[in-house]
Amino acid sequence: MMKTAQVRVVESMQEYVPRAEERRIFLAGGMHNCPDWRHDAISAFRRIWSAGSADRRPLALLSPRRVISGPSGFNEAMVTWEHRHLALADLVLFWFPSGNEARPEQPIALYELGAAAATGRAIAVGVEGGYRRRPDVLAQLRCARPGLPVHSDLLSTVSTAVEALRDGSRPLRSAS
């Protein structure tokens, strides 16, 4: 009988101790003024990662959740947690959902995408059609990562991330 690969979720502010055999994906993207897309992404990862594959290593999903501290919503401990866990990830999945049209930009996620794209680290990117800054994300990635697929739906973005880690190759890294 074949063992099913384990998927564990580590949310904001939870202490995470990496395991050597474990693959790690950070779920970056909209956190404010948008739907809770991480719930759907986690469900998709559980389904796809556990499906038939030679790679039966466990997967850790590093999933930040909004932790409010004070009237501005800023929480320095949360920023520190995200920074640490971004550095631990084998791959960063970026998802930019459409959401509240009054404030849809997701500036921190855009900053994190720019930093990751510039360094050549492994990324999988998806931008929903209704996301107001979609043309900007596409144009910037054409410059920083020519040929990088940018998906329009979350499931394709998750599937690309899984394929990249299972292949062992890093097809989502910069060619330079």
N, C-alpha and C. Protein backbone atom coordinates (compact mmCIF):
# COMPACT_ATOMS: atom_id res chain seq x y z
N MET A 1 0.83 -1.17 0.00
CA MET A 1 0.00 0.00 0.00
C MET A 1 0.89 1.25 0.00
N MET A 2 0.56 2.21 -0.87
CA MET A 2 1.35 3.42 -1.01
C MET A 2 0.90 4.46 0.01
N LYS A 3 1.87 5.10 0.66
CA LYS A 3 1.59 6.12 1.65
C LYS A 3 1.21 7.44 0.98
N THR A 4 0.19 8.12 1.51
CA THR A 4 -0.22 9.43 1.01
C THR A 4 0.68 10.50 1.61
N ALA A 5 1.09 11.44 0.79
CA ALA A 5 1.94 12.52 1.26
C ALA A 5 1.18 13.43 2.21
N GLN A 6 1.83 13.79 3.29
CA GLN A 6 1.22 14.65 4.30
C GLN A 6 1.33 16.11 3.90
N VAL A 7 0.27 16.88 4.17
CA VAL A 7 0.27 18.32 3.96
C VAL A 7 -0.07 18.95 5.30
N ARG A 8 0.81 19.80 5.78
CA ARG A 8 0.50 20.51 7.02
C ARG A 8 0.49 22.01 6.74
N VAL A 9 -0.34 22.70 7.50
CA VAL A 9 -0.50 24.14 7.33
C VAL A 9 0.04 24.84 8.56
N VAL A 10 0.89 25.82 8.32
CA VAL A 10 1.45 26.63 9.39
C VAL A 10 0.94 28.05 9.16
N GLU A 11 0.13 28.54 10.09
CA GLU A 11 -0.46 29.87 9.93
C GLU A 11 0.32 30.90 10.72
N SER A 12 0.01 32.15 10.46
CA SER A 12 0.68 33.28 11.09
C SER A 12 0.86 33.08 12.58
N MET A 13 2.05 33.44 13.00
CA MET A 13 2.43 33.47 14.39
C MET A 13 2.61 32.07 15.00
N GLN A 14 2.34 31.01 14.26
CA GLN A 14 2.64 29.67 14.76
C GLN A 14 4.13 29.42 14.59
N GLU A 15 4.72 28.81 15.58
CA GLU A 15 6.14 28.49 15.48
C GLU A 15 6.30 27.34 14.49
N TYR A 16 7.21 27.50 13.57
CA TYR A 16 7.45 26.49 12.54
C TYR A 16 8.90 26.04 12.61
N VAL A 17 9.08 24.75 12.76
CA VAL A 17 10.41 24.16 12.73
C VAL A 17 10.47 23.31 11.47
N PRO A 18 11.29 23.73 10.49
CA PRO A 18 11.37 22.97 9.23
C PRO A 18 11.89 21.55 9.46
N ARG A 19 11.36 20.64 8.68
CA ARG A 19 11.83 19.26 8.67
C ARG A 19 12.62 19.06 7.38
N ALA A 20 13.72 18.37 7.49
CA ALA A 20 14.64 18.23 6.34
C ALA A 20 13.95 17.67 5.10
N GLU A 21 13.08 16.70 5.25
CA GLU A 21 12.47 16.04 4.10
C GLU A 21 11.27 16.81 3.53
N GLU A 22 10.87 17.84 4.22
CA GLU A 22 9.64 18.55 3.89
C GLU A 22 9.87 19.62 2.82
N ARG A 23 8.94 19.70 1.87
CA ARG A 23 8.91 20.79 0.89
C ARG A 23 8.09 21.91 1.51
N ARG A 24 8.44 23.18 1.16
CA ARG A 24 7.77 24.32 1.78
C ARG A 24 7.32 25.31 0.72
N ILE A 25 6.04 25.70 0.80
CA ILE A 25 5.48 26.72 -0.09
C ILE A 25 4.87 27.81 0.77
N PHE A 26 5.25 29.05 0.48
CA PHE A 26 4.68 30.21 1.16
C PHE A 26 3.53 30.73 0.30
N LEU A 27 2.39 30.97 0.92
CA LEU A 27 1.20 31.46 0.21
C LEU A 27 1.15 32.99 0.34
N ALA A 28 1.67 33.68 -0.66
CA ALA A 28 1.72 35.14 -0.66
C ALA A 28 0.61 35.69 -1.54
N GLY A 29 0.10 36.83 -1.15
CA GLY A 29 -0.93 37.47 -1.96
C GLY A 29 -1.90 38.23 -1.09
N GLY A 30 -3.01 38.59 -1.69
CA GLY A 30 -3.98 39.43 -1.02
C GLY A 30 -4.40 38.90 0.34
N MET A 31 -4.41 39.83 1.30
CA MET A 31 -4.81 39.47 2.66
C MET A 31 -5.92 40.39 3.16
N HIS A 32 -5.95 41.60 2.64
CA HIS A 32 -6.94 42.60 3.07
C HIS A 32 -7.86 42.91 1.89
N ASN A 33 -9.11 43.18 2.20
CA ASN A 33 -10.07 43.62 1.18
C ASN A 33 -10.22 42.63 0.03
N CYS A 34 -10.16 41.35 0.33
CA CYS A 34 -10.33 40.33 -0.71
C CYS A 34 -10.87 39.05 -0.08
N PRO A 35 -11.33 38.13 -0.91
CA PRO A 35 -11.84 36.87 -0.37
C PRO A 35 -10.73 36.05 0.30
N ASP A 36 -11.13 35.10 1.15
CA ASP A 36 -10.17 34.21 1.80
C ASP A 36 -9.76 33.11 0.82
N TRP A 37 -8.91 33.48 -0.12
CA TRP A 37 -8.46 32.55 -1.16
C TRP A 37 -7.54 31.46 -0.60
N ARG A 38 -6.89 31.70 0.52
CA ARG A 38 -5.96 30.71 1.07
C ARG A 38 -6.68 29.41 1.43
N HIS A 39 -7.90 29.52 1.91
CA HIS A 39 -8.69 28.33 2.23
C HIS A 39 -8.83 27.44 0.98
N ASP A 40 -9.18 28.05 -0.15
CA ASP A 40 -9.32 27.29 -1.40
C ASP A 40 -7.98 26.75 -1.87
N ALA A 41 -6.92 27.53 -1.72
CA ALA A 41 -5.59 27.08 -2.13
C ALA A 41 -5.14 25.88 -1.30
N ILE A 42 -5.36 25.94 0.00
CA ILE A 42 -4.97 24.83 0.88
C ILE A 42 -5.73 23.56 0.51
N SER A 43 -7.02 23.68 0.24
CA SER A 43 -7.81 22.51 -0.19
C SER A 43 -7.26 21.92 -1.48
N ALA A 44 -6.92 22.80 -2.43
CA ALA A 44 -6.36 22.33 -3.70
C ALA A 44 -5.01 21.65 -3.49
N PHE A 45 -4.16 22.22 -2.67
CA PHE A 45 -2.86 21.59 -2.39
C PHE A 45 -3.05 20.22 -1.76
N ARG A 46 -3.95 20.09 -0.81
CA ARG A 46 -4.19 18.79 -0.17
C ARG A 46 -4.60 17.75 -1.21
N ARG A 47 -5.48 18.15 -2.11
CA ARG A 47 -5.98 17.24 -3.14
C ARG A 47 -4.88 16.87 -4.13
N ILE A 48 -4.17 17.86 -4.66
CA ILE A 48 -3.19 17.64 -5.72
C ILE A 48 -1.91 16.99 -5.18
N TRP A 49 -1.42 17.46 -4.04
CA TRP A 49 -0.17 16.93 -3.49
C TRP A 49 -0.32 15.46 -3.12
N SER A 50 -1.49 15.10 -2.65
CA SER A 50 -1.73 13.72 -2.22
C SER A 50 -2.02 12.79 -3.39
N ALA A 51 -2.31 13.34 -4.57
CA ALA A 51 -2.58 12.51 -5.75
C ALA A 51 -1.30 11.79 -6.18
N GLY A 52 -1.45 10.78 -7.02
CA GLY A 52 -0.34 9.93 -7.44
C GLY A 52 0.90 10.67 -7.91
N SER A 53 2.01 10.36 -7.29
CA SER A 53 3.31 10.91 -7.69
C SER A 53 4.40 10.13 -7.00
N ALA A 54 5.57 10.14 -7.59
CA ALA A 54 6.71 9.47 -7.00
C ALA A 54 7.20 10.24 -5.76
N ASP A 55 6.96 11.55 -5.72
CA ASP A 55 7.41 12.37 -4.60
C ASP A 55 6.40 12.27 -3.47
N ARG A 56 6.75 11.54 -2.44
CA ARG A 56 5.85 11.37 -1.29
C ARG A 56 6.33 12.15 -0.07
N ARG A 57 7.20 13.12 -0.29
CA ARG A 57 7.65 13.93 0.83
C ARG A 57 6.51 14.79 1.36
N PRO A 58 6.54 15.09 2.64
CA PRO A 58 5.50 15.97 3.19
C PRO A 58 5.64 17.40 2.65
N LEU A 59 4.55 18.13 2.70
CA LEU A 59 4.50 19.51 2.24
C LEU A 59 4.05 20.39 3.39
N ALA A 60 4.75 21.50 3.60
CA ALA A 60 4.33 22.50 4.57
C ALA A 60 3.87 23.73 3.80
N LEU A 61 2.66 24.16 4.09
CA LEU A 61 2.12 25.39 3.51
C LEU A 61 2.23 26.47 4.56
N LEU A 62 3.02 27.48 4.27
CA LEU A 62 3.24 28.59 5.18
C LEU A 62 2.24 29.67 4.81
N SER A 63 1.21 29.82 5.63
CA SER A 63 0.03 30.59 5.25
C SER A 63 -0.21 31.76 6.19
N PRO A 64 0.23 32.95 5.78
CA PRO A 64 -0.04 34.10 6.64
C PRO A 64 -1.52 34.45 6.68
N ARG A 65 -1.97 34.86 7.81
CA ARG A 65 -3.33 35.35 8.00
C ARG A 65 -3.22 36.71 8.67
N ARG A 66 -4.13 37.55 8.38
CA ARG A 66 -4.10 38.89 8.95
C ARG A 66 -4.23 38.82 10.47
N VAL A 67 -3.26 39.43 11.15
CA VAL A 67 -3.28 39.53 12.61
C VAL A 67 -3.26 41.02 12.92
N ILE A 68 -4.36 41.54 13.42
CA ILE A 68 -4.48 42.99 13.65
C ILE A 68 -3.91 43.34 15.03
N SER A 69 -3.17 44.43 15.03
CA SER A 69 -2.61 44.93 16.27
C SER A 69 -2.64 46.45 16.22
N GLY A 70 -3.62 47.03 16.86
CA GLY A 70 -3.71 48.48 16.88
C GLY A 70 -4.62 49.02 15.79
N PRO A 71 -4.92 50.30 15.85
CA PRO A 71 -5.89 50.90 14.91
C PRO A 71 -5.42 50.92 13.46
N SER A 72 -4.13 50.97 13.21
CA SER A 72 -3.64 51.02 11.83
C SER A 72 -3.65 49.65 11.16
N GLY A 73 -3.75 48.59 11.97
CA GLY A 73 -3.68 47.24 11.42
C GLY A 73 -2.27 46.73 11.28
N PHE A 74 -1.27 47.56 11.58
CA PHE A 74 0.13 47.14 11.47
C PHE A 74 0.50 46.25 12.65
N ASN A 75 1.25 45.21 12.36
CA ASN A 75 1.70 44.28 13.39
C ASN A 75 3.13 43.87 13.05
N GLU A 76 4.09 44.42 13.76
CA GLU A 76 5.49 44.15 13.45
C GLU A 76 5.86 42.68 13.63
N ALA A 77 5.29 42.01 14.60
CA ALA A 77 5.56 40.59 14.79
C ALA A 77 5.09 39.79 13.58
N MET A 78 3.97 40.21 12.99
CA MET A 78 3.45 39.54 11.78
C MET A 78 4.41 39.75 10.61
N VAL A 79 4.91 40.97 10.44
CA VAL A 79 5.86 41.25 9.37
C VAL A 79 7.11 40.38 9.54
N THR A 80 7.60 40.28 10.76
CA THR A 80 8.78 39.46 11.05
C THR A 80 8.50 37.99 10.75
N TRP A 81 7.32 37.50 11.15
CA TRP A 81 6.94 36.11 10.87
C TRP A 81 6.94 35.87 9.36
N GLU A 82 6.32 36.76 8.60
CA GLU A 82 6.25 36.60 7.14
C GLU A 82 7.65 36.61 6.53
N HIS A 83 8.48 37.54 6.94
CA HIS A 83 9.83 37.64 6.39
C HIS A 83 10.62 36.35 6.64
N ARG A 84 10.54 35.85 7.84
CA ARG A 84 11.24 34.60 8.18
C ARG A 84 10.74 33.42 7.35
N HIS A 85 9.44 33.31 7.21
CA HIS A 85 8.87 32.17 6.52
C HIS A 85 9.01 32.27 5.00
N LEU A 86 9.01 33.48 4.46
CA LEU A 86 9.32 33.65 3.04
C LEU A 86 10.72 33.10 2.74
N ALA A 87 11.66 33.37 3.64
CA ALA A 87 13.03 32.90 3.45
C ALA A 87 13.15 31.38 3.54
N LEU A 88 12.27 30.74 4.28
CA LEU A 88 12.31 29.29 4.45
C LEU A 88 11.69 28.53 3.28
N ALA A 89 10.90 29.19 2.48
CA ALA A 89 10.13 28.52 1.42
C ALA A 89 11.01 28.06 0.27
N ASP A 90 10.67 26.88 -0.26
CA ASP A 90 11.30 26.39 -1.50
C ASP A 90 10.71 27.12 -2.70
N LEU A 91 9.46 27.55 -2.56
CA LEU A 91 8.74 28.21 -3.63
C LEU A 91 7.72 29.15 -3.00
N VAL A 92 7.48 30.28 -3.64
CA VAL A 92 6.45 31.21 -3.16
C VAL A 92 5.35 31.28 -4.21
N LEU A 93 4.13 30.97 -3.77
CA LEU A 93 2.97 31.10 -4.63
C LEU A 93 2.36 32.47 -4.37
N PHE A 94 2.18 33.25 -5.45
CA PHE A 94 1.54 34.55 -5.37
C PHE A 94 0.17 34.46 -6.03
N TRP A 95 -0.85 34.93 -5.32
CA TRP A 95 -2.20 34.99 -5.88
C TRP A 95 -2.77 36.38 -5.60
N PHE A 96 -3.20 37.04 -6.68
CA PHE A 96 -3.79 38.36 -6.59
C PHE A 96 -5.26 38.25 -7.00
N PRO A 97 -6.15 38.11 -6.00
CA PRO A 97 -7.57 37.98 -6.31
C PRO A 97 -8.23 39.34 -6.54
N SER A 98 -9.31 39.31 -7.29
CA SER A 98 -10.10 40.53 -7.36
C SER A 98 -10.79 40.64 -6.00
N GLY A 99 -11.16 41.83 -5.63
CA GLY A 99 -11.77 42.01 -4.31
C GLY A 99 -12.42 43.36 -4.21
N ASN A 100 -12.25 43.97 -3.10
CA ASN A 100 -12.82 45.29 -2.84
C ASN A 100 -12.20 46.28 -3.82
N GLU A 101 -13.00 46.78 -4.74
CA GLU A 101 -12.49 47.68 -5.78
C GLU A 101 -12.05 49.04 -5.24
N ALA A 102 -12.48 49.38 -4.03
CA ALA A 102 -12.05 50.65 -3.44
C ALA A 102 -10.59 50.60 -3.01
N ARG A 103 -10.10 49.39 -2.63
CA ARG A 103 -8.72 49.24 -2.16
C ARG A 103 -8.18 47.87 -2.56
N PRO A 104 -7.98 47.62 -3.84
CA PRO A 104 -7.60 46.29 -4.28
C PRO A 104 -6.11 46.04 -4.46
N GLU A 105 -5.28 47.01 -4.22
CA GLU A 105 -3.90 46.92 -4.70
C GLU A 105 -3.04 45.84 -4.05
N GLN A 106 -3.22 45.56 -2.78
CA GLN A 106 -2.39 44.60 -2.06
C GLN A 106 -0.90 44.99 -2.15
N PRO A 107 -0.53 46.17 -1.65
CA PRO A 107 0.83 46.69 -1.85
C PRO A 107 1.94 45.82 -1.28
N ILE A 108 1.71 45.18 -0.15
CA ILE A 108 2.77 44.35 0.43
C ILE A 108 3.01 43.13 -0.45
N ALA A 109 1.95 42.51 -0.94
CA ALA A 109 2.11 41.36 -1.83
C ALA A 109 2.82 41.77 -3.12
N LEU A 110 2.51 42.95 -3.64
CA LEU A 110 3.20 43.44 -4.84
C LEU A 110 4.69 43.65 -4.55
N TYR A 111 5.00 44.19 -3.38
CA TYR A 111 6.40 44.37 -2.97
C TYR A 111 7.11 43.02 -2.90
N GLU A 112 6.46 42.04 -2.25
CA GLU A 112 7.06 40.72 -2.11
C GLU A 112 7.27 40.05 -3.47
N LEU A 113 6.32 40.24 -4.39
CA LEU A 113 6.48 39.69 -5.73
C LEU A 113 7.67 40.32 -6.43
N GLY A 114 7.79 41.64 -6.35
CA GLY A 114 8.92 42.32 -6.97
C GLY A 114 10.26 41.83 -6.42
N ALA A 115 10.33 41.67 -5.12
CA ALA A 115 11.56 41.20 -4.49
C ALA A 115 11.89 39.78 -4.95
N ALA A 116 10.90 38.91 -4.98
CA ALA A 116 11.13 37.51 -5.38
C ALA A 116 11.50 37.42 -6.86
N ALA A 117 10.82 38.18 -7.69
CA ALA A 117 11.09 38.15 -9.13
C ALA A 117 12.51 38.65 -9.43
N ALA A 118 12.95 39.64 -8.69
CA ALA A 118 14.28 40.22 -8.91
C ALA A 118 15.40 39.29 -8.46
N THR A 119 15.14 38.44 -7.48
CA THR A 119 16.19 37.57 -6.96
C THR A 119 16.28 36.24 -7.69
N GLY A 120 15.31 35.92 -8.49
CA GLY A 120 15.35 34.66 -9.22
C GLY A 120 14.86 33.47 -8.42
N ARG A 121 14.23 33.68 -7.29
CA ARG A 121 13.75 32.53 -6.52
C ARG A 121 12.54 31.88 -7.20
N ALA A 122 12.25 30.66 -6.84
CA ALA A 122 11.15 29.91 -7.45
C ALA A 122 9.81 30.52 -7.04
N ILE A 123 8.99 30.86 -8.04
CA ILE A 123 7.67 31.44 -7.79
C ILE A 123 6.65 30.85 -8.75
N ALA A 124 5.41 30.85 -8.30
CA ALA A 124 4.26 30.54 -9.17
C ALA A 124 3.32 31.72 -8.97
N VAL A 125 2.80 32.26 -10.07
CA VAL A 125 2.02 33.50 -9.99
C VAL A 125 0.67 33.34 -10.68
N GLY A 126 -0.35 33.84 -10.00
CA GLY A 126 -1.69 33.91 -10.57
C GLY A 126 -2.31 35.25 -10.27
N VAL A 127 -3.03 35.78 -11.26
CA VAL A 127 -3.70 37.07 -11.11
C VAL A 127 -5.11 36.93 -11.68
N GLU A 128 -6.10 37.05 -10.82
CA GLU A 128 -7.48 36.93 -11.26
C GLU A 128 -7.83 38.07 -12.22
N GLY A 129 -8.68 37.77 -13.18
CA GLY A 129 -9.04 38.75 -14.20
C GLY A 129 -9.55 40.07 -13.68
N GLY A 130 -10.26 40.08 -12.57
CA GLY A 130 -10.82 41.31 -12.04
C GLY A 130 -9.88 42.12 -11.16
N TYR A 131 -8.65 41.64 -10.97
CA TYR A 131 -7.69 42.37 -10.14
C TYR A 131 -7.25 43.62 -10.88
N ARG A 132 -7.47 44.77 -10.29
CA ARG A 132 -7.25 46.05 -10.97
C ARG A 132 -5.80 46.27 -11.40
N ARG A 133 -4.84 45.73 -10.71
CA ARG A 133 -3.42 45.94 -11.06
C ARG A 133 -2.87 44.81 -11.94
N ARG A 134 -3.75 43.98 -12.49
CA ARG A 134 -3.33 42.86 -13.33
C ARG A 134 -2.39 43.30 -14.47
N PRO A 135 -2.71 44.35 -15.23
CA PRO A 135 -1.80 44.76 -16.31
C PRO A 135 -0.40 45.13 -15.81
N ASP A 136 -0.34 45.72 -14.62
CA ASP A 136 0.96 46.08 -14.04
C ASP A 136 1.77 44.83 -13.69
N VAL A 137 1.12 43.86 -13.06
CA VAL A 137 1.80 42.62 -12.68
C VAL A 137 2.32 41.91 -13.93
N LEU A 138 1.49 41.81 -14.95
CA LEU A 138 1.90 41.14 -16.18
C LEU A 138 3.06 41.85 -16.85
N ALA A 139 3.01 43.18 -16.93
CA ALA A 139 4.09 43.94 -17.58
C ALA A 139 5.39 43.81 -16.80
N GLN A 140 5.32 43.92 -15.48
CA GLN A 140 6.53 43.81 -14.66
C GLN A 140 7.16 42.42 -14.78
N LEU A 141 6.33 41.39 -14.78
CA LEU A 141 6.88 40.03 -14.88
C LEU A 141 7.43 39.74 -16.28
N ARG A 142 6.85 40.35 -17.32
CA ARG A 142 7.43 40.19 -18.67
C ARG A 142 8.86 40.73 -18.70
N CYS A 143 9.11 41.80 -17.95
CA CYS A 143 10.45 42.38 -17.88
C CYS A 143 11.37 41.57 -16.96
N ALA A 144 10.90 41.23 -15.78
CA ALA A 144 11.74 40.57 -14.78
C ALA A 144 11.88 39.07 -15.01
N ARG A 145 10.84 38.42 -15.55
CA ARG A 145 10.82 36.97 -15.74
C ARG A 145 10.18 36.63 -17.08
N PRO A 146 10.82 36.97 -18.18
CA PRO A 146 10.24 36.65 -19.48
C PRO A 146 9.92 35.14 -19.57
N GLY A 147 8.74 34.84 -20.05
CA GLY A 147 8.35 33.45 -20.22
C GLY A 147 7.70 32.81 -19.00
N LEU A 148 7.69 33.51 -17.86
CA LEU A 148 7.04 32.96 -16.67
C LEU A 148 5.54 32.90 -16.90
N PRO A 149 4.93 31.72 -16.73
CA PRO A 149 3.47 31.68 -16.88
C PRO A 149 2.78 32.40 -15.73
N VAL A 150 1.80 33.22 -16.08
CA VAL A 150 0.98 33.90 -15.07
C VAL A 150 -0.44 33.41 -15.30
N HIS A 151 -0.98 32.76 -14.29
CA HIS A 151 -2.28 32.11 -14.42
C HIS A 151 -3.42 33.05 -14.07
N SER A 152 -4.59 32.72 -14.57
CA SER A 152 -5.79 33.52 -14.30
C SER A 152 -6.69 32.87 -13.26
N ASP A 153 -6.36 31.66 -12.86
CA ASP A 153 -7.18 30.99 -11.85
C ASP A 153 -6.28 30.34 -10.80
N LEU A 154 -6.81 30.21 -9.62
CA LEU A 154 -6.06 29.72 -8.48
C LEU A 154 -5.63 28.27 -8.65
N LEU A 155 -6.51 27.43 -9.17
CA LEU A 155 -6.19 26.02 -9.32
C LEU A 155 -4.98 25.80 -10.24
N SER A 156 -4.91 26.53 -11.34
CA SER A 156 -3.75 26.41 -12.24
C SER A 156 -2.47 26.89 -11.56
N THR A 157 -2.59 27.92 -10.75
CA THR A 157 -1.43 28.43 -10.03
C THR A 157 -0.92 27.39 -9.03
N VAL A 158 -1.83 26.78 -8.30
CA VAL A 158 -1.47 25.72 -7.34
C VAL A 158 -0.85 24.54 -8.09
N SER A 159 -1.45 24.13 -9.18
CA SER A 159 -0.93 22.99 -9.96
C SER A 159 0.49 23.25 -10.46
N THR A 160 0.76 24.47 -10.91
CA THR A 160 2.09 24.83 -11.38
C THR A 160 3.10 24.76 -10.24
N ALA A 161 2.72 25.21 -9.06
CA ALA A 161 3.61 25.15 -7.90
C ALA A 161 3.94 23.71 -7.55
N VAL A 162 2.93 22.85 -7.54
CA VAL A 162 3.14 21.43 -7.22
C VAL A 162 4.06 20.79 -8.25
N GLU A 163 3.80 21.02 -9.52
CA GLU A 163 4.64 20.45 -10.58
C GLU A 163 6.09 20.90 -10.44
N ALA A 164 6.30 22.15 -10.12
CA ALA A 164 7.66 22.69 -9.99
C ALA A 164 8.41 22.00 -8.86
N LEU A 165 7.76 21.76 -7.74
CA LEU A 165 8.44 21.10 -6.62
C LEU A 165 8.61 19.62 -6.86
N ARG A 166 7.66 18.99 -7.49
CA ARG A 166 7.76 17.56 -7.73
C ARG A 166 8.80 17.22 -8.78
N ASP A 167 8.94 18.08 -9.77
CA ASP A 167 9.92 17.84 -10.82
C ASP A 167 11.34 17.90 -10.29
N GLY A 168 11.51 18.61 -9.19
CA GLY A 168 12.86 18.78 -8.67
C GLY A 168 13.62 19.84 -9.43
N SER A 169 13.16 20.14 -10.63
CA SER A 169 13.76 21.23 -11.37
C SER A 169 13.14 22.51 -10.84
N ARG A 170 13.69 23.61 -11.19
CA ARG A 170 13.14 24.88 -10.76
C ARG A 170 12.74 25.67 -12.00
N PRO A 171 11.71 25.19 -12.74
CA PRO A 171 11.34 25.85 -13.97
C PRO A 171 10.80 27.26 -13.77
N LEU A 172 10.48 27.60 -12.54
CA LEU A 172 9.90 28.90 -12.28
C LEU A 172 10.94 29.90 -11.79
N ARG A 173 12.21 29.56 -11.99
CA ARG A 173 13.28 30.47 -11.63
C ARG A 173 13.69 31.26 -12.87
N SER A 174 14.39 32.32 -12.62
CA SER A 174 14.88 33.16 -13.70
C SER A 174 15.87 32.37 -14.57
N ALA A 175 15.83 32.63 -15.87
CA ALA A 175 16.72 31.93 -16.78
C ALA A 175 18.15 32.49 -16.69
N SER A 176 18.32 33.67 -16.10
CA SER A 176 19.65 34.27 -16.05
C SER A 176 20.49 33.69 -14.93
